[in-house]
Amino acid sequence: VAAKQYTVPIAETVSAVKAGREVELTARTMHERKVFVVAAD
């Protein structure tokens, strides 16, 4: 019936990039997705 999807950066990956540490940069390691759904009866 209704839905919102939030893109959320993964904090550990952000910290690693800022510090210059080696880190795997892929869709799964950089962001997670949170979905909130209103379903029909």
PDB file of all heavy atoms in Angstrom:
ATOM      1  N   VAL A   1       0.830  -1.203   0.000  1.00  0.00           N
ATOM      2  CA  VAL A   1       0.000   0.000   0.000  1.00  0.00           C
ATOM      3  C   VAL A   1       0.869   1.258   0.000  1.00  0.00           C
ATOM      4  O   VAL A   1       0.590   2.234  -0.697  1.00  0.00           O
ATOM      5  CB  VAL A   1      -0.941   0.004   1.228  1.00  0.00           C
ATOM      6  CG1 VAL A   1      -1.732   1.306   1.307  1.00  0.00           C
ATOM      7  CG2 VAL A   1      -1.870  -1.194   1.170  1.00  0.00           C
ATOM      8  N   ALA A   2       1.928   1.248   0.797  1.00  0.00           N
ATOM      9  CA  ALA A   2       2.848   2.385   0.894  1.00  0.00           C
ATOM     10  C   ALA A   2       4.222   1.857   1.278  1.00  0.00           C
ATOM     11  O   ALA A   2       4.339   0.795   1.904  1.00  0.00           O
ATOM     12  CB  ALA A   2       2.364   3.399   1.923  1.00  0.00           C
ATOM     13  N   ALA A   3       5.263   2.603   0.896  1.00  0.00           N
ATOM     14  CA  ALA A   3       6.620   2.146   1.213  1.00  0.00           C
ATOM     15  C   ALA A   3       7.607   3.298   1.132  1.00  0.00           C
ATOM     16  O   ALA A   3       7.446   4.225   0.332  1.00  0.00           O
ATOM     17  CB  ALA A   3       7.054   1.025   0.266  1.00  0.00           C
ATOM     18  N   LYS A   4       8.606   3.241   1.991  1.00  0.00           N
ATOM     19  CA  LYS A   4       9.758   4.151   1.931  1.00  0.00           C
ATOM     20  C   LYS A   4      11.024   3.319   2.094  1.00  0.00           C
ATOM     21  O   LYS A   4      11.078   2.425   2.934  1.00  0.00           O
ATOM     22  CB  LYS A   4       9.702   5.193   3.061  1.00  0.00           C
ATOM     23  CG  LYS A   4       8.781   6.377   2.803  1.00  0.00           C
ATOM     24  CD  LYS A   4       9.422   7.394   1.881  1.00  0.00           C
ATOM     25  CE  LYS A   4       8.470   8.568   1.599  1.00  0.00           C
ATOM     26  NZ  LYS A   4       8.309   9.451   2.743  1.00  0.00           N
ATOM     27  N   GLN A   5      12.023   3.633   1.265  1.00  0.00           N
ATOM     28  CA  GLN A   5      13.301   2.931   1.361  1.00  0.00           C
ATOM     29  C   GLN A   5      14.395   3.928   1.712  1.00  0.00           C
ATOM     30  O   GLN A   5      14.522   4.980   1.084  1.00  0.00           O
ATOM     31  CB  GLN A   5      13.642   2.230   0.047  1.00  0.00           C
ATOM     32  CG  GLN A   5      14.881   1.367   0.122  1.00  0.00           C
ATOM     33  CD  GLN A   5      16.147   2.113  -0.274  1.00  0.00           C
ATOM     34  OE1 GLN A   5      16.234   2.703  -1.335  1.00  0.00           O
ATOM     35  NE2 GLN A   5      17.147   2.104   0.592  1.00  0.00           N
ATOM     36  N   TYR A   6      15.177   3.601   2.738  1.00  0.00           N
ATOM     37  CA  TYR A   6      16.263   4.451   3.192  1.00  0.00           C
ATOM     38  C   TYR A   6      17.607   3.806   2.834  1.00  0.00           C
ATOM     39  O   TYR A   6      17.827   2.625   3.126  1.00  0.00           O
ATOM     40  CB  TYR A   6      16.199   4.652   4.712  1.00  0.00           C
ATOM     41  CG  TYR A   6      14.949   5.358   5.179  1.00  0.00           C
ATOM     42  CD1 TYR A   6      13.780   4.642   5.419  1.00  0.00           C
ATOM     43  CD2 TYR A   6      14.937   6.732   5.384  1.00  0.00           C
ATOM     44  CE1 TYR A   6      12.623   5.286   5.857  1.00  0.00           C
ATOM     45  CE2 TYR A   6      13.785   7.383   5.815  1.00  0.00           C
ATOM     46  CZ  TYR A   6      12.638   6.654   6.051  1.00  0.00           C
ATOM     47  OH  TYR A   6      11.501   7.294   6.480  1.00  0.00           O
ATOM     48  N   THR A   7      18.467   4.598   2.229  1.00  0.00           N
ATOM     49  CA  THR A   7      19.842   4.180   1.988  1.00  0.00           C
ATOM     50  C   THR A   7      20.691   4.661   3.160  1.00  0.00           C
ATOM     51  O   THR A   7      20.644   5.843   3.511  1.00  0.00           O
ATOM     52  CB  THR A   7      20.374   4.781   0.671  1.00  0.00           C
ATOM     53  OG1 THR A   7      19.562   4.308  -0.407  1.00  0.00           O
ATOM     54  CG2 THR A   7      21.818   4.395   0.433  1.00  0.00           C
ATOM     55  N   VAL A   8      21.468   3.742   3.758  1.00  0.00           N
ATOM     56  CA  VAL A   8      22.238   4.066   4.955  1.00  0.00           C
ATOM     57  C   VAL A   8      23.699   3.660   4.752  1.00  0.00           C
ATOM     58  O   VAL A   8      23.988   2.485   4.489  1.00  0.00           O
ATOM     59  CB  VAL A   8      21.677   3.334   6.192  1.00  0.00           C
ATOM     60  CG1 VAL A   8      22.470   3.712   7.446  1.00  0.00           C
ATOM     61  CG2 VAL A   8      20.196   3.657   6.377  1.00  0.00           C
ATOM     62  N   PRO A   9      24.644   4.605   4.836  1.00  0.00           N
ATOM     63  CA  PRO A   9      26.059   4.245   4.725  1.00  0.00           C
ATOM     64  C   PRO A   9      26.472   3.335   5.878  1.00  0.00           C
ATOM     65  O   PRO A   9      25.992   3.491   7.009  1.00  0.00           O
ATOM     66  CB  PRO A   9      26.788   5.591   4.801  1.00  0.00           C
ATOM     67  CG  PRO A   9      25.754   6.620   4.539  1.00  0.00           C
ATOM     68  CD  PRO A   9      24.457   6.053   5.027  1.00  0.00           C
ATOM     69  N   ILE A  10      27.373   2.415   5.616  1.00  0.00           N
ATOM     70  CA  ILE A  10      27.887   1.540   6.659  1.00  0.00           C
ATOM     71  C   ILE A  10      29.030   2.258   7.367  1.00  0.00           C
ATOM     72  O   ILE A  10      30.052   2.588   6.759  1.00  0.00           O
ATOM     73  CB  ILE A  10      28.335   0.196   6.063  1.00  0.00           C
ATOM     74  CG1 ILE A  10      27.094  -0.523   5.494  1.00  0.00           C
ATOM     75  CG2 ILE A  10      29.042  -0.663   7.111  1.00  0.00           C
ATOM     76  CD1 ILE A  10      27.390  -1.823   4.790  1.00  0.00           C
ATOM     77  N   ALA A  11      28.836   2.518   8.651  1.00  0.00           N
ATOM     78  CA  ALA A  11      29.730   3.397   9.412  1.00  0.00           C
ATOM     79  C   ALA A  11      31.168   2.907   9.398  1.00  0.00           C
ATOM     80  O   ALA A  11      32.115   3.712   9.295  1.00  0.00           O
ATOM     81  CB  ALA A  11      29.223   3.521  10.848  1.00  0.00           C
ATOM     82  N   GLU A  12      31.374   1.590   9.521  1.00  0.00           N
ATOM     83  CA  GLU A  12      32.739   1.057   9.558  1.00  0.00           C
ATOM     84  C   GLU A  12      33.480   1.339   8.252  1.00  0.00           C
ATOM     85  O   GLU A  12      34.680   1.656   8.269  1.00  0.00           O
ATOM     86  CB  GLU A  12      32.710  -0.455   9.814  1.00  0.00           C
ATOM     87  CG  GLU A  12      32.181  -0.851  11.186  1.00  0.00           C
ATOM     88  CD  GLU A  12      30.658  -0.884  11.238  1.00  0.00           C
ATOM     89  OE1 GLU A  12      30.009  -0.532  10.223  1.00  0.00           O
ATOM     90  OE2 GLU A  12      30.120  -1.242  12.307  1.00  0.00           O
ATOM     91  N   THR A  13      32.776   1.271   7.144  1.00  0.00           N
ATOM     92  CA  THR A  13      33.413   1.545   5.848  1.00  0.00           C
ATOM     93  C   THR A  13      33.738   3.022   5.703  1.00  0.00           C
ATOM     94  O   THR A  13      34.808   3.398   5.211  1.00  0.00           O
ATOM     95  CB  THR A  13      32.496   1.084   4.702  1.00  0.00           C
ATOM     96  OG1 THR A  13      32.138  -0.280   4.897  1.00  0.00           O
ATOM     97  CG2 THR A  13      33.207   1.226   3.365  1.00  0.00           C
ATOM     98  N   VAL A  14      32.818   3.874   6.137  1.00  0.00           N
ATOM     99  CA  VAL A  14      33.071   5.319   6.086  1.00  0.00           C
ATOM    100  C   VAL A  14      34.314   5.665   6.910  1.00  0.00           C
ATOM    101  O   VAL A  14      35.195   6.413   6.458  1.00  0.00           O
ATOM    102  CB  VAL A  14      31.853   6.108   6.599  1.00  0.00           C
ATOM    103  CG1 VAL A  14      32.174   7.605   6.655  1.00  0.00           C
ATOM    104  CG2 VAL A  14      30.638   5.863   5.708  1.00  0.00           C
ATOM    105  N   SER A  15      34.415   5.119   8.119  1.00  0.00           N
ATOM    106  CA  SER A  15      35.565   5.396   8.987  1.00  0.00           C
ATOM    107  C   SER A  15      36.862   4.915   8.356  1.00  0.00           C
ATOM    108  O   SER A  15      37.890   5.601   8.433  1.00  0.00           O
ATOM    109  CB  SER A  15      35.367   4.723  10.350  1.00  0.00           C
ATOM    110  OG  SER A  15      34.238   5.256  11.016  1.00  0.00           O
ATOM    111  N   ALA A  16      36.822   3.753   7.733  1.00  0.00           N
ATOM    112  CA  ALA A  16      38.025   3.212   7.103  1.00  0.00           C
ATOM    113  C   ALA A  16      38.495   4.090   5.949  1.00  0.00           C
ATOM    114  O   ALA A  16      39.699   4.347   5.791  1.00  0.00           O
ATOM    115  CB  ALA A  16      37.758   1.790   6.610  1.00  0.00           C
ATOM    116  N   VAL A  17      37.551   4.583   5.143  1.00  0.00           N
ATOM    117  CA  VAL A  17      37.910   5.447   4.016  1.00  0.00           C
ATOM    118  C   VAL A  17      38.525   6.744   4.518  1.00  0.00           C
ATOM    119  O   VAL A  17      39.547   7.220   4.000  1.00  0.00           O
ATOM    120  CB  VAL A  17      36.674   5.722   3.138  1.00  0.00           C
ATOM    121  CG1 VAL A  17      36.973   6.832   2.127  1.00  0.00           C
ATOM    122  CG2 VAL A  17      36.238   4.456   2.416  1.00  0.00           C
ATOM    123  N   LYS A  18      37.935   7.354   5.550  1.00  0.00           N
ATOM    124  CA  LYS A  18      38.463   8.610   6.085  1.00  0.00           C
ATOM    125  C   LYS A  18      39.871   8.434   6.648  1.00  0.00           C
ATOM    126  O   LYS A  18      40.711   9.343   6.564  1.00  0.00           O
ATOM    127  CB  LYS A  18      37.537   9.144   7.179  1.00  0.00           C
ATOM    128  CG  LYS A  18      36.219   9.692   6.673  1.00  0.00           C
ATOM    129  CD  LYS A  18      35.377  10.220   7.830  1.00  0.00           C
ATOM    130  CE  LYS A  18      34.085  10.832   7.349  1.00  0.00           C
ATOM    131  NZ  LYS A  18      33.253  11.336   8.469  1.00  0.00           N
ATOM    132  N   ALA A  19      40.140   7.265   7.216  1.00  0.00           N
ATOM    133  CA  ALA A  19      41.440   7.008   7.834  1.00  0.00           C
ATOM    134  C   ALA A  19      42.468   6.502   6.837  1.00  0.00           C
ATOM    135  O   ALA A  19      43.642   6.355   7.185  1.00  0.00           O
ATOM    136  CB  ALA A  19      41.285   6.001   8.968  1.00  0.00           C
ATOM    137  N   GLY A  20      42.039   6.230   5.609  1.00  0.00           N
ATOM    138  CA  GLY A  20      42.973   5.734   4.610  1.00  0.00           C
ATOM    139  C   GLY A  20      43.312   4.264   4.762  1.00  0.00           C
ATOM    140  O   GLY A  20      44.318   3.797   4.217  1.00  0.00           O
ATOM    141  N   ARG A  21      42.471   3.510   5.482  1.00  0.00           N
ATOM    142  CA  ARG A  21      42.714   2.085   5.645  1.00  0.00           C
ATOM    143  C   ARG A  21      42.185   1.307   4.438  1.00  0.00           C
ATOM    144  O   ARG A  21      41.214   1.716   3.798  1.00  0.00           O
ATOM    145  CB  ARG A  21      42.045   1.561   6.916  1.00  0.00           C
ATOM    146  CG  ARG A  21      42.556   2.187   8.204  1.00  0.00           C
ATOM    147  CD  ARG A  21      42.104   1.378   9.429  1.00  0.00           C
ATOM    148  NE  ARG A  21      40.665   1.249   9.529  1.00  0.00           N
ATOM    149  CZ  ARG A  21      39.889   2.117  10.183  1.00  0.00           C
ATOM    150  NH1 ARG A  21      40.433   3.181  10.775  1.00  0.00           N
ATOM    151  NH2 ARG A  21      38.579   1.930  10.248  1.00  0.00           N
ATOM    152  N   GLU A  22      42.830   0.188   4.145  1.00  0.00           N
ATOM    153  CA  GLU A  22      42.369  -0.676   3.071  1.00  0.00           C
ATOM    154  C   GLU A  22      41.002  -1.243   3.434  1.00  0.00           C
ATOM    155  O   GLU A  22      40.800  -1.769   4.525  1.00  0.00           O
ATOM    156  CB  GLU A  22      43.359  -1.825   2.853  1.00  0.00           C
ATOM    157  CG  GLU A  22      44.677  -1.392   2.227  1.00  0.00           C
ATOM    158  CD  GLU A  22      44.520  -0.939   0.776  1.00  0.00           C
ATOM    159  OE1 GLU A  22      43.625  -1.475   0.086  1.00  0.00           O
ATOM    160  OE2 GLU A  22      45.259  -0.035   0.349  1.00  0.00           O
ATOM    161  N   VAL A  23      40.043  -1.115   2.511  1.00  0.00           N
ATOM    162  CA  VAL A  23      38.704  -1.613   2.771  1.00  0.00           C
ATOM    163  C   VAL A  23      38.058  -1.976   1.441  1.00  0.00           C
ATOM    164  O   VAL A  23      38.293  -1.329   0.421  1.00  0.00           O
ATOM    165  CB  VAL A  23      37.852  -0.560   3.521  1.00  0.00           C
ATOM    166  CG1 VAL A  23      37.681   0.705   2.688  1.00  0.00           C
ATOM    167  CG2 VAL A  23      36.512  -1.131   3.922  1.00  0.00           C
ATOM    168  N   GLU A  24      37.291  -3.039   1.453  1.00  0.00           N
ATOM    169  CA  GLU A  24      36.576  -3.447   0.247  1.00  0.00           C
ATOM    170  C   GLU A  24      35.420  -2.493  -0.002  1.00  0.00           C
ATOM    171  O   GLU A  24      34.607  -2.224   0.886  1.00  0.00           O
ATOM    172  CB  GLU A  24      36.037  -4.873   0.429  1.00  0.00           C
ATOM    173  CG  GLU A  24      35.291  -5.401  -0.789  1.00  0.00           C
ATOM    174  CD  GLU A  24      34.678  -6.767  -0.555  1.00  0.00           C
ATOM    175  OE1 GLU A  24      34.394  -7.089   0.616  1.00  0.00           O
ATOM    176  OE2 GLU A  24      34.474  -7.502  -1.541  1.00  0.00           O
ATOM    177  N   LEU A  25      35.352  -1.971  -1.224  1.00  0.00           N
ATOM    178  CA  LEU A  25      34.300  -1.028  -1.576  1.00  0.00           C
ATOM    179  C   LEU A  25      33.375  -1.671  -2.616  1.00  0.00           C
ATOM    180  O   LEU A  25      33.656  -1.682  -3.810  1.00  0.00           O
ATOM    181  CB  LEU A  25      34.893   0.277  -2.118  1.00  0.00           C
ATOM    182  CG  LEU A  25      35.729   1.098  -1.135  1.00  0.00           C
ATOM    183  CD1 LEU A  25      36.336   2.309  -1.814  1.00  0.00           C
ATOM    184  CD2 LEU A  25      34.892   1.519   0.071  1.00  0.00           C
ATOM    185  N   THR A  26      32.284  -2.220  -2.131  1.00  0.00           N
ATOM    186  CA  THR A  26      31.265  -2.806  -2.986  1.00  0.00           C
ATOM    187  C   THR A  26      29.909  -2.268  -2.551  1.00  0.00           C
ATOM    188  O   THR A  26      29.786  -1.611  -1.508  1.00  0.00           O
ATOM    189  CB  THR A  26      31.252  -4.341  -2.876  1.00  0.00           C
ATOM    190  OG1 THR A  26      30.848  -4.710  -1.541  1.00  0.00           O
ATOM    191  CG2 THR A  26      32.638  -4.929  -3.169  1.00  0.00           C
ATOM    192  N   ALA A  27      28.894  -2.550  -3.337  1.00  0.00           N
ATOM    193  CA  ALA A  27      27.546  -2.116  -2.956  1.00  0.00           C
ATOM    194  C   ALA A  27      27.196  -2.600  -1.553  1.00  0.00           C
ATOM    195  O   ALA A  27      26.680  -1.842  -0.724  1.00  0.00           O
ATOM    196  CB  ALA A  27      26.528  -2.648  -3.963  1.00  0.00           C
ATOM    197  N   ARG A  28      27.524  -3.859  -1.251  1.00  0.00           N
ATOM    198  CA  ARG A  28      27.131  -4.436   0.029  1.00  0.00           C
ATOM    199  C   ARG A  28      27.957  -3.899   1.194  1.00  0.00           C
ATOM    200  O   ARG A  28      27.456  -3.779   2.318  1.00  0.00           O
ATOM    201  CB  ARG A  28      27.247  -5.961  -0.033  1.00  0.00           C
ATOM    202  CG  ARG A  28      26.512  -6.676   1.097  1.00  0.00           C
ATOM    203  CD  ARG A  28      26.542  -8.187   0.878  1.00  0.00           C
ATOM    204  NE  ARG A  28      25.904  -8.589  -0.357  1.00  0.00           N
ATOM    205  CZ  ARG A  28      24.596  -8.770  -0.513  1.00  0.00           C
ATOM    206  NH1 ARG A  28      23.779  -8.583   0.520  1.00  0.00           N
ATOM    207  NH2 ARG A  28      24.088  -9.131  -1.675  1.00  0.00           N
ATOM    208  N   THR A  29      29.214  -3.559   0.953  1.00  0.00           N
ATOM    209  CA  THR A  29      30.055  -3.085   2.056  1.00  0.00           C
ATOM    210  C   THR A  29      29.925  -1.585   2.292  1.00  0.00           C
ATOM    211  O   THR A  29      30.304  -1.099   3.352  1.00  0.00           O
ATOM    212  CB  THR A  29      31.535  -3.412   1.800  1.00  0.00           C
ATOM    213  OG1 THR A  29      31.989  -2.705   0.632  1.00  0.00           O
ATOM    214  CG2 THR A  29      31.750  -4.909   1.618  1.00  0.00           C
ATOM    215  N   MET A  30      29.366  -0.841   1.319  1.00  0.00           N
ATOM    216  CA  MET A  30      29.278   0.611   1.446  1.00  0.00           C
ATOM    217  C   MET A  30      27.932   1.096   1.984  1.00  0.00           C
ATOM    218  O   MET A  30      27.881   2.080   2.718  1.00  0.00           O
ATOM    219  CB  MET A  30      29.559   1.279   0.093  1.00  0.00           C
ATOM    220  CG  MET A  30      30.999   1.128  -0.381  1.00  0.00           C
ATOM    221  SD  MET A  30      31.259   1.891  -1.990  1.00  0.00           S
ATOM    222  CE  MET A  30      31.071   3.636  -1.585  1.00  0.00           C
ATOM    223  N   HIS A  31      26.853   0.425   1.602  1.00  0.00           N
ATOM    224  CA  HIS A  31      25.521   0.888   1.991  1.00  0.00           C
ATOM    225  C   HIS A  31      24.617  -0.287   2.341  1.00  0.00           C
ATOM    226  O   HIS A  31      24.780  -1.387   1.802  1.00  0.00           O
ATOM    227  CB  HIS A  31      24.849   1.670   0.851  1.00  0.00           C
ATOM    228  CG  HIS A  31      25.577   2.897   0.421  1.00  0.00           C
ATOM    229  ND1 HIS A  31      26.516   2.896  -0.585  1.00  0.00           N
ATOM    230  CD2 HIS A  31      25.516   4.172   0.868  1.00  0.00           C
ATOM    231  CE1 HIS A  31      26.997   4.118  -0.752  1.00  0.00           C
ATOM    232  NE2 HIS A  31      26.402   4.914   0.121  1.00  0.00           N
ATOM    233  N   GLU A  32      23.671  -0.030   3.224  1.00  0.00           N
ATOM    234  CA  GLU A  32      22.590  -0.981   3.464  1.00  0.00           C
ATOM    235  C   GLU A  32      21.277  -0.294   3.140  1.00  0.00           C
ATOM    236  O   GLU A  32      21.193   0.931   3.084  1.00  0.00           O
ATOM    237  CB  GLU A  32      22.591  -1.481   4.907  1.00  0.00           C
ATOM    238  CG  GLU A  32      22.385  -0.404   5.953  1.00  0.00           C
ATOM    239  CD  GLU A  32      22.389  -0.974   7.373  1.00  0.00           C
ATOM    240  OE1 GLU A  32      21.855  -2.077   7.565  1.00  0.00           O
ATOM    241  OE2 GLU A  32      22.925  -0.298   8.271  1.00  0.00           O
ATOM    242  N   ARG A  33      20.247  -1.116   2.935  1.00  0.00           N
ATOM    243  CA  ARG A  33      18.944  -0.566   2.578  1.00  0.00           C
ATOM    244  C   ARG A  33      17.908  -1.010   3.606  1.00  0.00           C
ATOM    245  O   ARG A  33      17.812  -2.193   3.930  1.00  0.00           O
ATOM    246  CB  ARG A  33      18.545  -1.006   1.173  1.00  0.00           C
ATOM    247  CG  ARG A  33      19.548  -0.528   0.114  1.00  0.00           C
ATOM    248  CD  ARG A  33      18.942  -0.551  -1.269  1.00  0.00           C
ATOM    249  NE  ARG A  33      19.876  -0.104  -2.295  1.00  0.00           N
ATOM    250  CZ  ARG A  33      20.122   1.159  -2.605  1.00  0.00           C
ATOM    251  NH1 ARG A  33      19.501   2.124  -1.942  1.00  0.00           N
ATOM    252  NH2 ARG A  33      20.973   1.471  -3.564  1.00  0.00           N
ATOM    253  N   LYS A  34      17.156  -0.017   4.108  1.00  0.00           N
ATOM    254  CA  LYS A  34      16.101  -0.292   5.073  1.00  0.00           C
ATOM    255  C   LYS A  34      14.765   0.105   4.455  1.00  0.00           C
ATOM    256  O   LYS A  34      14.592   1.245   4.013  1.00  0.00           O
ATOM    257  CB  LYS A  34      16.350   0.478   6.376  1.00  0.00           C
ATOM    258  CG  LYS A  34      17.648   0.064   7.083  1.00  0.00           C
ATOM    259  CD  LYS A  34      17.819   0.791   8.410  1.00  0.00           C
ATOM    260  CE  LYS A  34      19.081   0.332   9.130  1.00  0.00           C
ATOM    261  NZ  LYS A  34      19.253   1.000  10.442  1.00  0.00           N
ATOM    262  N   VAL A  35      13.836  -0.859   4.424  1.00  0.00           N
ATOM    263  CA  VAL A  35      12.555  -0.646   3.756  1.00  0.00           C
ATOM    264  C   VAL A  35      11.424  -0.750   4.774  1.00  0.00           C
ATOM    265  O   VAL A  35      11.363  -1.716   5.551  1.00  0.00           O
ATOM    266  CB  VAL A  35      12.332  -1.688   2.647  1.00  0.00           C
ATOM    267  CG1 VAL A  35      11.102  -1.328   1.824  1.00  0.00           C
ATOM    268  CG2 VAL A  35      13.563  -1.790   1.741  1.00  0.00           C
ATOM    269  N   PHE A  36      10.542   0.244   4.772  1.00  0.00           N
ATOM    270  CA  PHE A  36       9.370   0.245   5.641  1.00  0.00           C
ATOM    271  C   PHE A  36       8.129   0.152   4.756  1.00  0.00           C
ATOM    272  O   PHE A  36       7.955   0.965   3.835  1.00  0.00           O
ATOM    273  CB  PHE A  36       9.345   1.497   6.512  1.00  0.00           C
ATOM    274  CG  PHE A  36      10.478   1.536   7.503  1.00  0.00           C
ATOM    275  CD1 PHE A  36      11.723   2.020   7.138  1.00  0.00           C
ATOM    276  CD2 PHE A  36      10.300   1.057   8.791  1.00  0.00           C
ATOM    277  CE1 PHE A  36      12.785   2.036   8.042  1.00  0.00           C
ATOM    278  CE2 PHE A  36      11.353   1.072   9.704  1.00  0.00           C
ATOM    279  CZ  PHE A  36      12.595   1.557   9.325  1.00  0.00           C
ATOM    280  N   VAL A  37       7.300  -0.843   5.041  1.00  0.00           N
ATOM    281  CA  VAL A  37       6.199  -1.188   4.142  1.00  0.00           C
ATOM    282  C   VAL A  37       4.873  -1.235   4.901  1.00  0.00           C
ATOM    283  O   VAL A  37       4.795  -1.795   6.001  1.00  0.00           O
ATOM    284  CB  VAL A  37       6.445  -2.569   3.484  1.00  0.00           C
ATOM    285  CG1 VAL A  37       5.255  -2.971   2.620  1.00  0.00           C
ATOM    286  CG2 VAL A  37       7.726  -2.543   2.659  1.00  0.00           C
ATOM    287  N   VAL A  38       3.849  -0.649   4.308  1.00  0.00           N
ATOM    288  CA  VAL A  38       2.473  -0.859   4.744  1.00  0.00           C
ATOM    289  C   VAL A  38       1.862  -1.856   3.769  1.00  0.00           C
ATOM    290  O   VAL A  38       1.772  -1.582   2.563  1.00  0.00           O
ATOM    291  CB  VAL A  38       1.660   0.444   4.736  1.00  0.00           C
ATOM    292  CG1 VAL A  38       0.214   0.169   5.161  1.00  0.00           C
ATOM    293  CG2 VAL A  38       2.299   1.483   5.648  1.00  0.00           C
ATOM    294  N   ALA A  39       1.476  -3.016   4.274  1.00  0.00           N
ATOM    295  CA  ALA A  39       0.913  -4.063   3.427  1.00  0.00           C
ATOM    296  C   ALA A  39      -0.608  -4.029   3.468  1.00  0.00           C
ATOM    297  O   ALA A  39      -1.219  -3.637   4.471  1.00  0.00           O
ATOM    298  CB  ALA A  39       1.412  -5.429   3.880  1.00  0.00           C
ATOM    299  N   ALA A  40      -1.199  -4.436   2.374  1.00  0.00           N
ATOM    300  CA  ALA A  40      -2.656  -4.529   2.321  1.00  0.00           C
ATOM    301  C   ALA A  40      -3.138  -5.638   3.258  1.00  0.00           C
ATOM    302  O   ALA A  40      -2.413  -6.597   3.544  1.00  0.00           O
ATOM    303  CB  ALA A  40      -3.100  -4.809   0.895  1.00  0.00           C
ATOM    304  N   ASP A  41      -4.363  -5.504   3.736  1.00  0.00           N
ATOM    305  CA  ASP A  41      -4.942  -6.544   4.576  1.00  0.00           C
ATOM    306  C   ASP A  41      -4.949  -7.878   3.832  1.00  0.00           C
ATOM    307  O   ASP A  41      -5.404  -7.952   2.680  1.00  0.00           O
ATOM    308  CB  ASP A  41      -6.375  -6.180   4.968  1.00  0.00           C
ATOM    309  CG  ASP A  41      -6.438  -4.989   5.915  1.00  0.00           C
ATOM    310  OD1 ASP A  41      -5.409  -4.698   6.545  1.00  0.00           O
ATOM    311  OD2 ASP A  41      -7.512  -4.358   5.999  1.00  0.00           O
TER     312      ASP A  41
END
